[in-house]
C-alpha atoms as a PDB file:
ATOM      1  CA  MET A   1      63.428 124.631 130.700  1.00  0.00           C
ATOM      2  CA  GLU A   2      61.854 122.216 128.280  1.00  0.00           C
ATOM      3  CA  ALA A   3      62.918 124.411 125.379  1.00  0.00           C
ATOM      4  CA  VAL A   4      66.539 124.325 126.541  1.00  0.00           C
ATOM      5  CA  LEU A   5      66.428 120.546 126.940  1.00  0.00           C
ATOM      6  CA  GLY A   6      64.882 120.222 123.468  1.00  0.00           C
ATOM      7  CA  VAL A   7      67.661 122.349 121.925  1.00  0.00           C
ATOM      8  CA  LEU A   8      70.313 120.384 123.851  1.00  0.00           C
ATOM      9  CA  LEU A   9      68.839 117.064 122.767  1.00  0.00           C
ATOM     10  CA  THR A  10      68.563 118.221 119.151  1.00  0.00           C
ATOM     11  CA  SER A  11      72.184 119.411 119.256  1.00  0.00           C
ATOM     12  CA  CYS A  12      73.365 116.067 120.677  1.00  0.00           C
ATOM     13  CA  VAL A  13      71.479 114.180 117.992  1.00  0.00           C
ATOM     14  CA  ALA A  14      73.011 116.435 115.331  1.00  0.00           C
ATOM     15  CA  ILE A  15      76.541 115.937 116.729  1.00  0.00           C
ATOM     16  CA  PHE A  16      76.119 112.158 116.857  1.00  0.00           C
ATOM     17  CA  GLY A  17      74.749 112.260 113.305  1.00  0.00           C
ATOM     18  CA  VAL A  18      77.858 114.110 112.134  1.00  0.00           C
ATOM     19  CA  ILE A  19      80.150 111.688 113.992  1.00  0.00           C
ATOM     20  CA  ASP A  20      78.255 108.698 112.583  1.00  0.00           C
ATOM     21  CA  GLY A  21      78.452 110.153 109.072  1.00  0.00           C
ATOM     22  CA  TRP A  22      82.164 110.803 109.487  1.00  0.00           C
ATOM     23  CA  PHE A  23      82.895 107.300 110.767  1.00  0.00           C
ATOM     24  CA  GLY A  24      80.462 105.682 108.366  1.00  0.00           C
ATOM     25  CA  GLN A  25      81.358 107.365 105.082  1.00  0.00           C
ATOM     26  CA  LYS A  26      84.257 109.818 105.405  1.00  0.00           C
ATOM     27  CA  ILE A  27      86.747 107.288 106.746  1.00  0.00           C
ATOM     28  CA  TYR A  28      85.802 104.890 103.953  1.00  0.00           C
ATOM     29  CA  ASP A  29      86.233 107.654 101.368  1.00  0.00           C
ATOM     30  CA  PHE A  30      89.608 108.599 102.850  1.00  0.00           C
ATOM     31  CA  ALA A  31      90.810 104.990 102.962  1.00  0.00           C
ATOM     32  CA  THR A  32      89.717 104.469  99.342  1.00  0.00           C
ATOM     33  CA  TRP A  33      91.492 107.640  98.251  1.00  0.00           C
ATOM     34  CA  ALA A  34      94.660 106.779 100.189  1.00  0.00           C
ATOM     35  CA  PHE A  35      94.795 103.250  98.763  1.00  0.00           C
ATOM     36  CA  ALA A  36      94.275 104.591  95.228  1.00  0.00           C
ATOM     37  CA  GLN A  37      97.135 107.051  95.747  1.00  0.00           C
ATOM     38  CA  LEU A  38      99.368 104.259  97.042  1.00  0.00           C
ATOM     39  CA  VAL A  39      98.596 101.994  94.076  1.00  0.00           C
ATOM     40  CA  GLU A  40      99.192 104.880  91.656  1.00  0.00           C
ATOM     41  CA  TYR A  41     102.553 105.620  93.275  1.00  0.00           C
ATOM     42  CA  PHE A  42     103.683 101.988  93.047  1.00  0.00           C
ATOM     43  CA  VAL A  43     102.566 101.662  89.415  1.00  0.00           C
ATOM     44  CA  LEU A  44     104.421 104.832  88.420  1.00  0.00           C
ATOM     45  CA  ALA A  45     107.516 103.739  90.354  1.00  0.00           C
ATOM     46  CA  SER A  46     107.404 100.360  88.631  1.00  0.00           C
ATOM     47  CA  ILE A  47     107.151 101.962  85.186  1.00  0.00           C
ATOM     48  CA  LYS A  48     110.034 104.329  85.941  1.00  0.00           C
ATOM     49  CA  PHE A  49     112.093 101.374  87.156  1.00  0.00           C
ATOM     50  CA  LEU A  50     111.336  99.486  83.930  1.00  0.00           C
ATOM     51  CA  LEU A  51     112.393 102.488  81.855  1.00  0.00           C
ATOM     52  CA  VAL A  52     115.804 102.333  83.507  1.00  0.00           C
ATOM     53  CA  VAL A  53     116.254  98.569  83.662  1.00  0.00           C
ATOM     54  CA  ILE A  54     115.163  97.452  80.184  1.00  0.00           C
ATOM     55  CA  PRO A  55     117.842  99.398  78.222  1.00  0.00           C
ATOM     56  CA  PHE A  56     120.433  98.106  80.675  1.00  0.00           C
ATOM     57  CA  ALA A  57     119.261  94.512  80.234  1.00  0.00           C
ATOM     58  CA  TRP A  58     119.177  94.961  76.459  1.00  0.00           C
ATOM     59  CA  ASP A  59     122.812  96.118  76.450  1.00  0.00           C
ATOM     60  CA  VAL A  60     123.851  93.204  78.660  1.00  0.00           C
ATOM     61  CA  GLY A  61     121.902  90.780  76.434  1.00  0.00           C
ATOM     62  CA  ARG A  62     123.655  92.089  73.312  1.00  0.00           C
ATOM     63  CA  THR A  63     127.004  91.687  75.059  1.00  0.00           C
ATOM     64  CA  ILE A  64     126.167  88.100  76.014  1.00  0.00           C
ATOM     65  CA  LEU A  65     125.197  87.322  72.414  1.00  0.00           C
ATOM     66  CA  ALA A  66     128.419  88.905  71.169  1.00  0.00           C
ATOM     67  CA  ASP A  67     130.520  86.955  73.687  1.00  0.00           C
ATOM     68  CA  LEU A  68     128.869  83.671  72.709  1.00  0.00           C
ATOM     69  CA  ASP A  69     129.317  84.512  68.987  1.00  0.00           C
ATOM     70  CA  VAL A  70     125.705  83.741  68.232  1.00  0.00           C
ATOM     71  CA  LYS A  71     125.900  85.961  65.159  1.00  0.00           C
ATOM     72  CA  GLY A  72     128.664  83.793  63.693  1.00  0.00           C
ATOM     73  CA  PHE A  73     126.700  80.628  64.411  1.00  0.00           C
ATOM     74  CA  VAL A  74     123.555  82.019  62.770  1.00  0.00           C
ATOM     75  CA  SER A  75     125.615  83.274  59.821  1.00  0.00           C
ATOM     76  CA  SER A  76     127.211  79.876  59.267  1.00  0.00           C
ATOM     77  CA  ALA A  77     123.822  78.166  59.523  1.00  0.00           C
ATOM     78  CA  TRP A  78     122.386  80.699  57.073  1.00  0.00           C
ATOM     79  CA  ASN A  79     125.200  80.085  54.594  1.00  0.00           C
ATOM     80  CA  SER A  80     124.536  76.348  54.695  1.00  0.00           C
ATOM     81  CA  LEU A  81     120.996  76.856  53.348  1.00  0.00           C
ATOM     82  CA  PRO A  82     120.367  76.296  49.627  1.00  0.00           C
ATOM     83  CA  GLY A  83     120.371  79.504  47.575  1.00  0.00           C
ATOM     84  CA  ASP A  84     116.679  79.566  46.688  1.00  0.00           C
ATOM     85  CA  VAL A  85     115.613  78.937  50.319  1.00  0.00           C
ATOM     86  CA  ALA A  86     117.967  81.662  51.552  1.00  0.00           C
ATOM     87  CA  SER A  87     116.598  84.045  48.912  1.00  0.00           C
ATOM     88  CA  VAL A  88     112.952  83.476  49.908  1.00  0.00           C
ATOM     89  CA  ALA A  89     113.790  83.686  53.626  1.00  0.00           C
ATOM     90  CA  GLY A  90     115.725  86.907  52.989  1.00  0.00           C
ATOM     91  CA  PHE A  91     112.746  88.343  51.103  1.00  0.00           C
ATOM     92  CA  PHE A  92     110.499  87.738  54.129  1.00  0.00           C
ATOM     93  CA  GLY A  93     113.080  89.215  56.538  1.00  0.00           C
ATOM     94  CA  ILE A  94     113.807  85.999  58.412  1.00  0.00           C
ATOM     95  CA  PRO A  95     117.421  87.013  59.278  1.00  0.00           C
ATOM     96  CA  GLU A  96     116.202  90.206  60.975  1.00  0.00           C
ATOM     97  CA  CYS A  97     113.520  88.222  62.802  1.00  0.00           C
ATOM     98  CA  ILE A  98     116.098  85.767  64.097  1.00  0.00           C
ATOM     99  CA  ASN A  99     118.260  88.657  65.288  1.00  0.00           C
ATOM    100  CA  ILE A 100     115.340  90.331  67.085  1.00  0.00           C
ATOM    101  CA  ILE A 101     114.220  87.070  68.699  1.00  0.00           C
ATOM    102  CA  MET A 102     117.717  86.195  69.895  1.00  0.00           C
ATOM    103  CA  THR A 103     118.222  89.662  71.391  1.00  0.00           C
ATOM    104  CA  ALA A 104     114.797  89.485  73.094  1.00  0.00           C
ATOM    105  CA  LEU A 105     115.586  86.079  74.574  1.00  0.00           C
ATOM    106  CA  ALA A 106     118.928  87.319  75.896  1.00  0.00           C
ATOM    107  CA  THR A 107     117.242  90.420  77.356  1.00  0.00           C
ATOM    108  CA  ARG A 108     114.589  88.288  79.044  1.00  0.00           C
ATOM    109  CA  PHE A 109     117.329  86.039  80.426  1.00  0.00           C
ATOM    110  CA  VAL A 110     119.107  89.048  81.948  1.00  0.00           C
ATOM    111  CA  LEU A 111     115.850  90.492  83.338  1.00  0.00           C
ATOM    112  CA  ARG A 112     115.281  87.286  85.300  1.00  0.00           C
ATOM    113  CA  PHE A 113     118.358  88.110  87.409  1.00  0.00           C
ATOM    114  CA  ILE A 114     117.152  91.586  88.364  1.00  0.00           C
ATOM    115  CA  PRO A 115     115.073  91.565  91.565  1.00  0.00           C
ATOM    116  CA  GLY A 116     111.415  92.404  91.056  1.00  0.00           C
ATOM    117  CA  MET A 117     111.418  91.571  87.333  1.00  0.00           C
ATOM    118  CA  ARG A 118     109.869  88.113  87.401  1.00  0.00           C
END
């Protein structure tokens, strides 16, 4: 009888040890894994969303710049520079830099109107 009670008690202790280990560590491991999967999903979804939205915003930004005739304004301002200054600035690629900066500013302006892009 004592042997049966000893086996029963040992089995109960072992079962409670397994349950304690499961509640103590396995749930934490599962919660950590699940949260990591959720964060990974949201990061990948955000990157995929950016890959779709940025070309769209760039096209809209170029259209806004074309409608406002920014290129004509920059061209007239460029033509008003003295020849030697325009030559040095052209050598360093300042006109291309101005074009890139203006397009980037217009794209950023458009991105501010798209939800989730702030």
